[in-house]
Amino acid sequence: MGRIEELLNCVNNKWDKRFHLEIHTRYSKRNVYFQRIKTMNDSGKPVSLHETPFESFEEYLKYLTRFDVGLVFYLPDYNNKYLGKNIEHIGLSSGNFLLT
């Protein structure tokens, strides 16, 4: 079971309802969890998707300031030097970790 799957299971089963999980994605239609998150949100679970692209870096920063804690999940893409072996082996320890 992947980390995202574990997190969604927590939201579904034992999440403190005072907290809301918002997931930002640029590729929601390709995301294997897209429908599950939509269904959970529709049934009142404290989880939602943010799918709107940001027009500017300032808009992105404004979005980020809404949150207290952030996690980033990446799936390795071996055709992309930024999302390939470096993430598989060393994560984003190169300083590119963002709290979103």
PDB file of N, CA and C in Angstrom:
ATOM      1  N   MET A   1       0.846  -1.172   0.000  1.00  0.00           N
ATOM      2  CA  MET A   1       0.000   0.000   0.000  1.00  0.00           C
ATOM      3  C   MET A   1       0.894   1.237   0.000  1.00  0.00           C
ATOM      4  N   GLY A   2       0.596   2.195  -0.872  1.00  0.00           N
ATOM      5  CA  GLY A   2       1.376   3.410  -0.968  1.00  0.00           C
ATOM      6  C   GLY A   2       1.022   4.416   0.119  1.00  0.00           C
ATOM      7  N   ARG A   3       1.838   5.430   0.249  1.00  0.00           N
ATOM      8  CA  ARG A   3       1.637   6.446   1.282  1.00  0.00           C
ATOM      9  C   ARG A   3       0.333   7.226   1.086  1.00  0.00           C
ATOM     10  N   ILE A   4       0.001   7.527  -0.165  1.00  0.00           N
ATOM     11  CA  ILE A   4      -1.249   8.247  -0.414  1.00  0.00           C
ATOM     12  C   ILE A   4      -2.438   7.384  -0.004  1.00  0.00           C
ATOM     13  N   GLU A   5      -2.364   6.113  -0.319  1.00  0.00           N
ATOM     14  CA  GLU A   5      -3.425   5.175   0.055  1.00  0.00           C
ATOM     15  C   GLU A   5      -3.591   5.142   1.576  1.00  0.00           C
ATOM     16  N   GLU A   6      -2.482   5.094   2.306  1.00  0.00           N
ATOM     17  CA  GLU A   6      -2.538   5.093   3.769  1.00  0.00           C
ATOM     18  C   GLU A   6      -3.175   6.374   4.299  1.00  0.00           C
ATOM     19  N   LEU A   7      -2.806   7.496   3.722  1.00  0.00           N
ATOM     20  CA  LEU A   7      -3.349   8.777   4.146  1.00  0.00           C
ATOM     21  C   LEU A   7      -4.858   8.846   3.902  1.00  0.00           C
ATOM     22  N   LEU A   8      -5.294   8.408   2.736  1.00  0.00           N
ATOM     23  CA  LEU A   8      -6.735   8.409   2.434  1.00  0.00           C
ATOM     24  C   LEU A   8      -7.495   7.452   3.351  1.00  0.00           C
ATOM     25  N   ASN A   9      -6.881   6.324   3.697  1.00  0.00           N
ATOM     26  CA  ASN A   9      -7.523   5.402   4.636  1.00  0.00           C
ATOM     27  C   ASN A   9      -7.692   6.056   6.005  1.00  0.00           C
ATOM     28  N   CYS A  10      -6.704   6.835   6.420  1.00  0.00           N
ATOM     29  CA  CYS A  10      -6.818   7.572   7.696  1.00  0.00           C
ATOM     30  C   CYS A  10      -7.978   8.560   7.641  1.00  0.00           C
ATOM     31  N   VAL A  11      -8.063   9.315   6.548  1.00  0.00           N
ATOM     32  CA  VAL A  11      -9.152  10.291   6.405  1.00  0.00           C
ATOM     33  C   VAL A  11     -10.497   9.575   6.451  1.00  0.00           C
ATOM     34  N   ASN A  12     -10.563   8.415   5.852  1.00  0.00           N
ATOM     35  CA  ASN A  12     -11.809   7.658   5.784  1.00  0.00           C
ATOM     36  C   ASN A  12     -12.191   7.040   7.124  1.00  0.00           C
ATOM     37  N   ASN A  13     -11.194   6.660   7.939  1.00  0.00           N
ATOM     38  CA  ASN A  13     -11.492   5.854   9.119  1.00  0.00           C
ATOM     39  C   ASN A  13     -11.212   6.498  10.470  1.00  0.00           C
ATOM     40  N   LYS A  14     -10.130   7.239  10.593  1.00  0.00           N
ATOM     41  CA  LYS A  14      -9.763   7.718  11.930  1.00  0.00           C
ATOM     42  C   LYS A  14      -9.202   9.139  11.931  1.00  0.00           C
ATOM     43  N   TRP A  15      -9.647   9.938  11.033  1.00  0.00           N
ATOM     44  CA  TRP A  15      -9.175  11.317  10.891  1.00  0.00           C
ATOM     45  C   TRP A  15      -9.863  12.215  11.904  1.00  0.00           C
ATOM     46  N   ASP A  16      -9.123  13.117  12.501  1.00  0.00           N
ATOM     47  CA  ASP A  16      -9.701  14.112  13.392  1.00  0.00           C
ATOM     48  C   ASP A  16     -10.443  15.119  12.518  1.00  0.00           C
ATOM     49  N   LYS A  17     -11.724  15.199  12.663  1.00  0.00           N
ATOM     50  CA  LYS A  17     -12.558  16.004  11.764  1.00  0.00           C
ATOM     51  C   LYS A  17     -12.333  17.507  11.897  1.00  0.00           C
ATOM     52  N   ARG A  18     -11.495  17.919  12.861  1.00  0.00           N
ATOM     53  CA  ARG A  18     -11.144  19.344  12.957  1.00  0.00           C
ATOM     54  C   ARG A  18     -10.167  19.737  11.852  1.00  0.00           C
ATOM     55  N   PHE A  19      -9.593  18.748  11.179  1.00  0.00           N
ATOM     56  CA  PHE A  19      -8.595  19.001  10.150  1.00  0.00           C
ATOM     57  C   PHE A  19      -9.135  18.605   8.782  1.00  0.00           C
ATOM     58  N   HIS A  20      -8.767  19.382   7.795  1.00  0.00           N
ATOM     59  CA  HIS A  20      -9.189  19.120   6.417  1.00  0.00           C
ATOM     60  C   HIS A  20      -7.949  18.854   5.574  1.00  0.00           C
ATOM     61  N   LEU A  21      -7.995  17.816   4.767  1.00  0.00           N
ATOM     62  CA  LEU A  21      -6.900  17.475   3.863  1.00  0.00           C
ATOM     63  C   LEU A  21      -7.246  17.994   2.479  1.00  0.00           C
ATOM     64  N   GLU A  22      -6.425  18.890   1.962  1.00  0.00           N
ATOM     65  CA  GLU A  22      -6.614  19.368   0.591  1.00  0.00           C
ATOM     66  C   GLU A  22      -5.444  18.887  -0.236  1.00  0.00           C
ATOM     67  N   ILE A  23      -5.759  18.282  -1.361  1.00  0.00           N
ATOM     68  CA  ILE A  23      -4.737  17.732  -2.246  1.00  0.00           C
ATOM     69  C   ILE A  23      -4.708  18.567  -3.511  1.00  0.00           C
ATOM     70  N   HIS A  24      -3.552  19.131  -3.781  1.00  0.00           N
ATOM     71  CA  HIS A  24      -3.370  19.909  -5.009  1.00  0.00           C
ATOM     72  C   HIS A  24      -2.700  19.006  -6.031  1.00  0.00           C
ATOM     73  N   THR A  25      -3.245  18.979  -7.215  1.00  0.00           N
ATOM     74  CA  THR A  25      -2.662  18.186  -8.288  1.00  0.00           C
ATOM     75  C   THR A  25      -2.842  18.899  -9.612  1.00  0.00           C
ATOM     76  N   ARG A  26      -1.851  18.761 -10.463  1.00  0.00           N
ATOM     77  CA  ARG A  26      -1.965  19.312 -11.817  1.00  0.00           C
ATOM     78  C   ARG A  26      -2.528  18.283 -12.782  1.00  0.00           C
ATOM     79  N   TYR A  27      -2.576  17.026 -12.357  1.00  0.00           N
ATOM     80  CA  TYR A  27      -2.944  15.934 -13.265  1.00  0.00           C
ATOM     81  C   TYR A  27      -4.084  15.106 -12.693  1.00  0.00           C
ATOM     82  N   SER A  28      -5.139  15.747 -12.233  1.00  0.00           N
ATOM     83  CA  SER A  28      -6.195  15.032 -11.526  1.00  0.00           C
ATOM     84  C   SER A  28      -6.832  13.926 -12.358  1.00  0.00           C
ATOM     85  N   LYS A  29      -7.057  14.158 -13.615  1.00  0.00           N
ATOM     86  CA  LYS A  29      -7.731  13.140 -14.432  1.00  0.00           C
ATOM     87  C   LYS A  29      -6.863  11.899 -14.621  1.00  0.00           C
ATOM     88  N   ARG A  30      -5.538  12.062 -14.521  1.00  0.00           N
ATOM     89  CA  ARG A  30      -4.636  10.911 -14.648  1.00  0.00           C
ATOM     90  C   ARG A  30      -4.330  10.282 -13.297  1.00  0.00           C
ATOM     91  N   ASN A  31      -4.732  10.936 -12.205  1.00  0.00           N
ATOM     92  CA  ASN A  31      -4.421  10.460 -10.867  1.00  0.00           C
ATOM     93  C   ASN A  31      -5.333   9.285 -10.519  1.00  0.00           C
ATOM     94  N   VAL A  32      -4.755   8.178 -10.085  1.00  0.00           N
ATOM     95  CA  VAL A  32      -5.534   6.970  -9.793  1.00  0.00           C
ATOM     96  C   VAL A  32      -6.459   7.164  -8.596  1.00  0.00           C
ATOM     97  N   TYR A  33      -6.204   8.176  -7.788  1.00  0.00           N
ATOM     98  CA  TYR A  33      -7.031   8.435  -6.603  1.00  0.00           C
ATOM     99  C   TYR A  33      -8.097   9.491  -6.849  1.00  0.00           C
ATOM    100  N   PHE A  34      -8.139  10.063  -8.031  1.00  0.00           N
ATOM    101  CA  PHE A  34      -9.052  11.165  -8.342  1.00  0.00           C
ATOM    102  C   PHE A  34     -10.498  10.849  -7.961  1.00  0.00           C
ATOM    103  N   GLN A  35     -11.036   9.760  -8.457  1.00  0.00           N
ATOM    104  CA  GLN A  35     -12.438   9.425  -8.208  1.00  0.00           C
ATOM    105  C   GLN A  35     -12.679   9.110  -6.739  1.00  0.00           C
ATOM    106  N   ARG A  36     -11.731   8.441  -6.107  1.00  0.00           N
ATOM    107  CA  ARG A  36     -11.898   8.105  -4.692  1.00  0.00           C
ATOM    108  C   ARG A  36     -11.973   9.380  -3.845  1.00  0.00           C
ATOM    109  N   ILE A  37     -11.117  10.339  -4.106  1.00  0.00           N
ATOM    110  CA  ILE A  37     -11.119  11.591  -3.348  1.00  0.00           C
ATOM    111  C   ILE A  37     -12.416  12.355  -3.592  1.00  0.00           C
ATOM    112  N   LYS A  38     -12.860  12.404  -4.841  1.00  0.00           N
ATOM    113  CA  LYS A  38     -14.134  13.069  -5.163  1.00  0.00           C
ATOM    114  C   LYS A  38     -15.289  12.410  -4.400  1.00  0.00           C
ATOM    115  N   THR A  39     -15.327  11.087  -4.397  1.00  0.00           N
ATOM    116  CA  THR A  39     -16.388  10.352  -3.706  1.00  0.00           C
ATOM    117  C   THR A  39     -16.340  10.605  -2.206  1.00  0.00           C
ATOM    118  N   MET A  40     -15.138  10.595  -1.638  1.00  0.00           N
ATOM    119  CA  MET A  40     -14.994  10.859  -0.210  1.00  0.00           C
ATOM    120  C   MET A  40     -15.489  12.266   0.131  1.00  0.00           C
ATOM    121  N   ASN A  41     -15.111  13.236  -0.687  1.00  0.00           N
ATOM    122  CA  ASN A  41     -15.544  14.618  -0.466  1.00  0.00           C
ATOM    123  C   ASN A  41     -17.062  14.732  -0.569  1.00  0.00           C
ATOM    124  N   ASP A  42     -17.636  14.104  -1.583  1.00  0.00           N
ATOM    125  CA  ASP A  42     -19.087  14.152  -1.777  1.00  0.00           C
ATOM    126  C   ASP A  42     -19.847  13.524  -0.607  1.00  0.00           C
ATOM    127  N   SER A  43     -19.207  12.564   0.084  1.00  0.00           N
ATOM    128  CA  SER A  43     -19.875  11.916   1.223  1.00  0.00           C
ATOM    129  C   SER A  43     -19.575  12.619   2.545  1.00  0.00           C
ATOM    130  N   GLY A  44     -18.925  13.788   2.477  1.00  0.00           N
ATOM    131  CA  GLY A  44     -18.712  14.581   3.679  1.00  0.00           C
ATOM    132  C   GLY A  44     -17.387  14.376   4.388  1.00  0.00           C
ATOM    133  N   LYS A  45     -16.506  13.570   3.823  1.00  0.00           N
ATOM    134  CA  LYS A  45     -15.198  13.381   4.436  1.00  0.00           C
ATOM    135  C   LYS A  45     -14.383  14.663   4.263  1.00  0.00           C
ATOM    136  N   PRO A  46     -13.508  14.970   5.232  1.00  0.00           N
ATOM    137  CA  PRO A  46     -12.753  16.226   5.180  1.00  0.00           C
ATOM    138  C   PRO A  46     -11.537  16.152   4.254  1.00  0.00           C
ATOM    139  N   VAL A  47     -11.814  15.964   2.966  1.00  0.00           N
ATOM    140  CA  VAL A  47     -10.758  15.891   1.963  1.00  0.00           C
ATOM    141  C   VAL A  47     -11.279  16.523   0.680  1.00  0.00           C
ATOM    142  N   SER A  48     -10.420  17.250  -0.017  1.00  0.00           N
ATOM    143  CA  SER A  48     -10.825  17.851  -1.286  1.00  0.00           C
ATOM    144  C   SER A  48      -9.630  17.939  -2.221  1.00  0.00           C
ATOM    145  N   LEU A  49      -9.942  18.157  -3.477  1.00  0.00           N
ATOM    146  CA  LEU A  49      -8.924  18.317  -4.515  1.00  0.00           C
ATOM    147  C   LEU A  49      -8.900  19.767  -4.982  1.00  0.00           C
ATOM    148  N   HIS A  50      -7.706  20.283  -5.153  1.00  0.00           N
ATOM    149  CA  HIS A  50      -7.522  21.596  -5.771  1.00  0.00           C
ATOM    150  C   HIS A  50      -6.862  21.322  -7.116  1.00  0.00           C
ATOM    151  N   GLU A  51      -7.567  21.626  -8.181  1.00  0.00           N
ATOM    152  CA  GLU A  51      -7.088  21.265  -9.521  1.00  0.00           C
ATOM    153  C   GLU A  51      -6.753  22.457 -10.396  1.00  0.00           C
ATOM    154  N   THR A  52      -6.972  23.648  -9.915  1.00  0.00           N
ATOM    155  CA  THR A  52      -6.796  24.840 -10.732  1.00  0.00           C
ATOM    156  C   THR A  52      -5.326  25.216 -10.843  1.00  0.00           C
ATOM    157  N   PRO A  53      -4.813  25.382 -12.051  1.00  0.00           N
ATOM    158  CA  PRO A  53      -3.416  25.821 -12.201  1.00  0.00           C
ATOM    159  C   PRO A  53      -3.245  27.248 -11.688  1.00  0.00           C
ATOM    160  N   PHE A  54      -2.056  27.576 -11.261  1.00  0.00           N
ATOM    161  CA  PHE A  54      -1.767  28.913 -10.772  1.00  0.00           C
ATOM    162  C   PHE A  54      -1.285  29.783 -11.920  1.00  0.00           C
ATOM    163  N   GLU A  55      -1.807  30.997 -11.965  1.00  0.00           N
ATOM    164  CA  GLU A  55      -1.450  31.940 -13.026  1.00  0.00           C
ATOM    165  C   GLU A  55      -0.085  32.579 -12.791  1.00  0.00           C
ATOM    166  N   SER A  56       0.315  32.659 -11.515  1.00  0.00           N
ATOM    167  CA  SER A  56       1.587  33.303 -11.196  1.00  0.00           C
ATOM    168  C   SER A  56       2.169  32.684  -9.938  1.00  0.00           C
ATOM    169  N   PHE A  57       3.442  32.949  -9.712  1.00  0.00           N
ATOM    170  CA  PHE A  57       4.096  32.464  -8.510  1.00  0.00           C
ATOM    171  C   PHE A  57       3.475  33.108  -7.275  1.00  0.00           C
ATOM    172  N   GLU A  58       3.079  34.363  -7.371  1.00  0.00           N
ATOM    173  CA  GLU A  58       2.443  35.048  -6.254  1.00  0.00           C
ATOM    174  C   GLU A  58       1.123  34.378  -5.865  1.00  0.00           C
ATOM    175  N   GLU A  59       0.366  33.973  -6.875  1.00  0.00           N
ATOM    176  CA  GLU A  59      -0.893  33.265  -6.620  1.00  0.00           C
ATOM    177  C   GLU A  59      -0.615  31.936  -5.913  1.00  0.00           C
ATOM    178  N   TYR A  60       0.428  31.254  -6.335  1.00  0.00           N
ATOM    179  CA  TYR A  60       0.830  29.992  -5.715  1.00  0.00           C
ATOM    180  C   TYR A  60       1.223  30.211  -4.252  1.00  0.00           C
ATOM    181  N   LEU A  61       2.003  31.251  -3.979  1.00  0.00           N
ATOM    182  CA  LEU A  61       2.407  31.551  -2.605  1.00  0.00           C
ATOM    183  C   LEU A  61       1.203  31.880  -1.730  1.00  0.00           C
ATOM    184  N   LYS A  62       0.252  32.616  -2.269  1.00  0.00           N
ATOM    185  CA  LYS A  62      -0.964  32.943  -1.522  1.00  0.00           C
ATOM    186  C   LYS A  62      -1.711  31.663  -1.152  1.00  0.00           C
ATOM    187  N   TYR A  63      -1.776  30.733  -2.076  1.00  0.00           N
ATOM    188  CA  TYR A  63      -2.414  29.438  -1.823  1.00  0.00           C
ATOM    189  C   TYR A  63      -1.692  28.708  -0.684  1.00  0.00           C
ATOM    190  N   LEU A  64      -0.366  28.671  -0.736  1.00  0.00           N
ATOM    191  CA  LEU A  64       0.410  27.943   0.263  1.00  0.00           C
ATOM    192  C   LEU A  64       0.236  28.490   1.672  1.00  0.00           C
ATOM    193  N   THR A  65       0.011  29.789   1.799  1.00  0.00           N
ATOM    194  CA  THR A  65      -0.098  30.388   3.130  1.00  0.00           C
ATOM    195  C   THR A  65      -1.374  29.988   3.862  1.00  0.00           C
ATOM    196  N   ARG A  66      -2.275  29.313   3.195  1.00  0.00           N
ATOM    197  CA  ARG A  66      -3.516  28.851   3.826  1.00  0.00           C
ATOM    198  C   ARG A  66      -3.305  27.639   4.728  1.00  0.00           C
ATOM    199  N   PHE A  67      -2.147  26.986   4.632  1.00  0.00           N
ATOM    200  CA  PHE A  67      -1.947  25.691   5.275  1.00  0.00           C
ATOM    201  C   PHE A  67      -0.934  25.745   6.410  1.00  0.00           C
ATOM    202  N   ASP A  68      -1.143  24.872   7.393  1.00  0.00           N
ATOM    203  CA  ASP A  68      -0.217  24.748   8.511  1.00  0.00           C
ATOM    204  C   ASP A  68       0.847  23.681   8.250  1.00  0.00           C
ATOM    205  N   VAL A  69       0.476  22.632   7.545  1.00  0.00           N
ATOM    206  CA  VAL A  69       1.366  21.505   7.285  1.00  0.00           C
ATOM    207  C   VAL A  69       1.176  21.074   5.839  1.00  0.00           C
ATOM    208  N   GLY A  70       2.242  20.611   5.229  1.00  0.00           N
ATOM    209  CA  GLY A  70       2.126  20.126   3.857  1.00  0.00           C
ATOM    210  C   GLY A  70       2.972  18.899   3.614  1.00  0.00           C
ATOM    211  N   LEU A  71       2.513  18.091   2.700  1.00  0.00           N
ATOM    212  CA  LEU A  71       3.222  16.894   2.262  1.00  0.00           C
ATOM    213  C   LEU A  71       3.294  16.926   0.752  1.00  0.00           C
ATOM    214  N   VAL A  72       4.344  16.349   0.218  1.00  0.00           N
ATOM    215  CA  VAL A  72       4.478  16.260  -1.230  1.00  0.00           C
ATOM    216  C   VAL A  72       4.705  14.805  -1.597  1.00  0.00           C
ATOM    217  N   PHE A  73       3.940  14.315  -2.547  1.00  0.00           N
ATOM    218  CA  PHE A  73       4.118  12.957  -3.057  1.00  0.00           C
ATOM    219  C   PHE A  73       4.469  13.045  -4.535  1.00  0.00           C
ATOM    220  N   TYR A  74       5.500  12.346  -4.919  1.00  0.00           N
ATOM    221  CA  TYR A  74       5.886  12.261  -6.318  1.00  0.00           C
ATOM    222  C   TYR A  74       6.023  10.800  -6.701  1.00  0.00           C
ATOM    223  N   LEU A  75       5.647  10.494  -7.903  1.00  0.00           N
ATOM    224  CA  LEU A  75       5.904   9.177  -8.465  1.00  0.00           C
ATOM    225  C   LEU A  75       7.066   9.320  -9.443  1.00  0.00           C
ATOM    226  N   PRO A  76       8.057   8.434  -9.353  1.00  0.00           N
ATOM    227  CA  PRO A  76       9.190   8.552 -10.272  1.00  0.00           C
ATOM    228  C   PRO A  76       8.742   8.482 -11.734  1.00  0.00           C
ATOM    229  N   ASP A  77       9.317   9.340 -12.541  1.00  0.00           N
ATOM    230  CA  ASP A  77       9.100   9.351 -13.989  1.00  0.00           C
ATOM    231  C   ASP A  77      10.484   9.309 -14.614  1.00  0.00           C
ATOM    232  N   TYR A  78      10.874   8.159 -15.108  1.00  0.00           N
ATOM    233  CA  TYR A  78      12.250   7.965 -15.558  1.00  0.00           C
ATOM    234  C   TYR A  78      12.564   8.661 -16.877  1.00  0.00           C
ATOM    235  N   ASN A  79      11.573   9.302 -17.478  1.00  0.00           N
ATOM    236  CA  ASN A  79      11.814  10.107 -18.671  1.00  0.00           C
ATOM    237  C   ASN A  79      12.056  11.564 -18.318  1.00  0.00           C
ATOM    238  N   ASN A  80      12.019  11.886 -17.050  1.00  0.00           N
ATOM    239  CA  ASN A  80      12.171  13.255 -16.583  1.00  0.00           C
ATOM    240  C   ASN A  80      13.294  13.286 -15.556  1.00  0.00           C
ATOM    241  N   LYS A  81      14.329  14.102 -15.809  1.00  0.00           N
ATOM    242  CA  LYS A  81      15.481  14.086 -14.906  1.00  0.00           C
ATOM    243  C   LYS A  81      15.140  14.571 -13.503  1.00  0.00           C
ATOM    244  N   TYR A  82      14.088  15.360 -13.342  1.00  0.00           N
ATOM    245  CA  TYR A  82      13.707  15.858 -12.029  1.00  0.00           C
ATOM    246  C   TYR A  82      12.816  14.890 -11.264  1.00  0.00           C
ATOM    247  N   LEU A  83      12.085  14.047 -11.967  1.00  0.00           N
ATOM    248  CA  LEU A  83      11.161  13.119 -11.322  1.00  0.00           C
ATOM    249  C   LEU A  83      11.587  11.669 -11.494  1.00  0.00           C
ATOM    250  N   GLY A  84      12.825  11.440 -11.793  1.00  0.00           N
ATOM    251  CA  GLY A  84      13.324  10.098 -12.054  1.00  0.00           C
ATOM    252  C   GLY A  84      14.084   9.505 -10.891  1.00  0.00           C
ATOM    253  N   LYS A  85      15.291   9.034 -11.170  1.00  0.00           N
ATOM    254  CA  LYS A  85      16.061   8.312 -10.175  1.00  0.00           C
ATOM    255  C   LYS A  85      16.394   9.142  -8.943  1.00  0.00           C
ATOM    256  N   ASN A  86      16.554  10.441  -9.106  1.00  0.00           N
ATOM    257  CA  ASN A  86      16.872  11.244  -7.923  1.00  0.00           C
ATOM    258  C   ASN A  86      15.769  11.159  -6.872  1.00  0.00           C
ATOM    259  N   ILE A  87      14.510  11.111  -7.282  1.00  0.00           N
ATOM    260  CA  ILE A  87      13.421  10.981  -6.312  1.00  0.00           C
ATOM    261  C   ILE A  87      13.359   9.555  -5.777  1.00  0.00           C
ATOM    262  N   GLU A  88      13.558   8.574  -6.637  1.00  0.00           N
ATOM    263  CA  GLU A  88      13.507   7.190  -6.194  1.00  0.00           C
ATOM    264  C   GLU A  88      14.573   6.911  -5.139  1.00  0.00           C
ATOM    265  N   HIS A  89      15.769   7.447  -5.334  1.00  0.00           N
ATOM    266  CA  HIS A  89      16.890   7.103  -4.463  1.00  0.00           C
ATOM    267  C   HIS A  89      17.157   8.105  -3.348  1.00  0.00           C
ATOM    268  N   ILE A  90      17.007   9.388  -3.601  1.00  0.00           N
ATOM    269  CA  ILE A  90      17.351  10.356  -2.565  1.00  0.00           C
ATOM    270  C   ILE A  90      16.197  11.283  -2.218  1.00  0.00           C
ATOM    271  N   GLY A  91      15.047  11.058  -2.770  1.00  0.00           N
ATOM    272  CA  GLY A  91      13.924  11.944  -2.490  1.00  0.00           C
ATOM    273  C   GLY A  91      14.203  13.323  -3.034  1.00  0.00           C
ATOM    274  N   LEU A  92      13.707  14.304  -2.382  1.00  0.00           N
ATOM    275  CA  LEU A  92      13.956  15.676  -2.813  1.00  0.00           C
ATOM    276  C   LEU A  92      14.939  16.349  -1.866  1.00  0.00           C
ATOM    277  N   SER A  93      15.902  15.586  -1.371  1.00  0.00           N
ATOM    278  CA  SER A  93      16.854  16.137  -0.410  1.00  0.00           C
ATOM    279  C   SER A  93      17.754  17.204  -1.022  1.00  0.00           C
ATOM    280  N   SER A  94      17.644  17.399  -2.306  1.00  0.00           N
ATOM    281  CA  SER A  94      18.436  18.439  -2.952  1.00  0.00           C
ATOM    282  C   SER A  94      17.915  19.836  -2.633  1.00  0.00           C
ATOM    283  N   GLY A  95      16.870  19.938  -1.823  1.00  0.00           N
ATOM    284  CA  GLY A  95      16.352  21.231  -1.408  1.00  0.00           C
ATOM    285  C   GLY A  95      15.092  21.627  -2.131  1.00  0.00           C
ATOM    286  N   ASN A  96      14.534  20.753  -2.942  1.00  0.00           N
ATOM    287  CA  ASN A  96      13.353  21.081  -3.722  1.00  0.00           C
ATOM    288  C   ASN A  96      12.052  20.697  -3.044  1.00  0.00           C
ATOM    289  N   PHE A  97      12.100  20.275  -1.783  1.00  0.00           N
ATOM    290  CA  PHE A  97      10.890  19.854  -1.086  1.00  0.00           C
ATOM    291  C   PHE A  97      10.027  21.058  -0.771  1.00  0.00           C
ATOM    292  N   LEU A  98       8.788  21.007  -1.190  1.00  0.00           N
ATOM    293  CA  LEU A  98       7.836  22.097  -0.950  1.00  0.00           C
ATOM    294  C   LEU A  98       6.762  21.633   0.005  1.00  0.00           C
ATOM    295  N   LEU A  99       6.314  22.499   0.859  1.00  0.00           N
ATOM    296  CA  LEU A  99       5.167  22.196   1.693  1.00  0.00           C
ATOM    297  C   LEU A  99       3.937  22.706   0.989  1.00  0.00           C
ATOM    298  N   THR A 100       3.085  21.792   0.555  1.00  0.00           N
ATOM    299  CA  THR A 100       1.870  22.180  -0.142  1.00  0.00           C
ATOM    300  C   THR A 100       0.673  21.525   0.497  1.00  0.00           C
TER     301      THR A 100
END
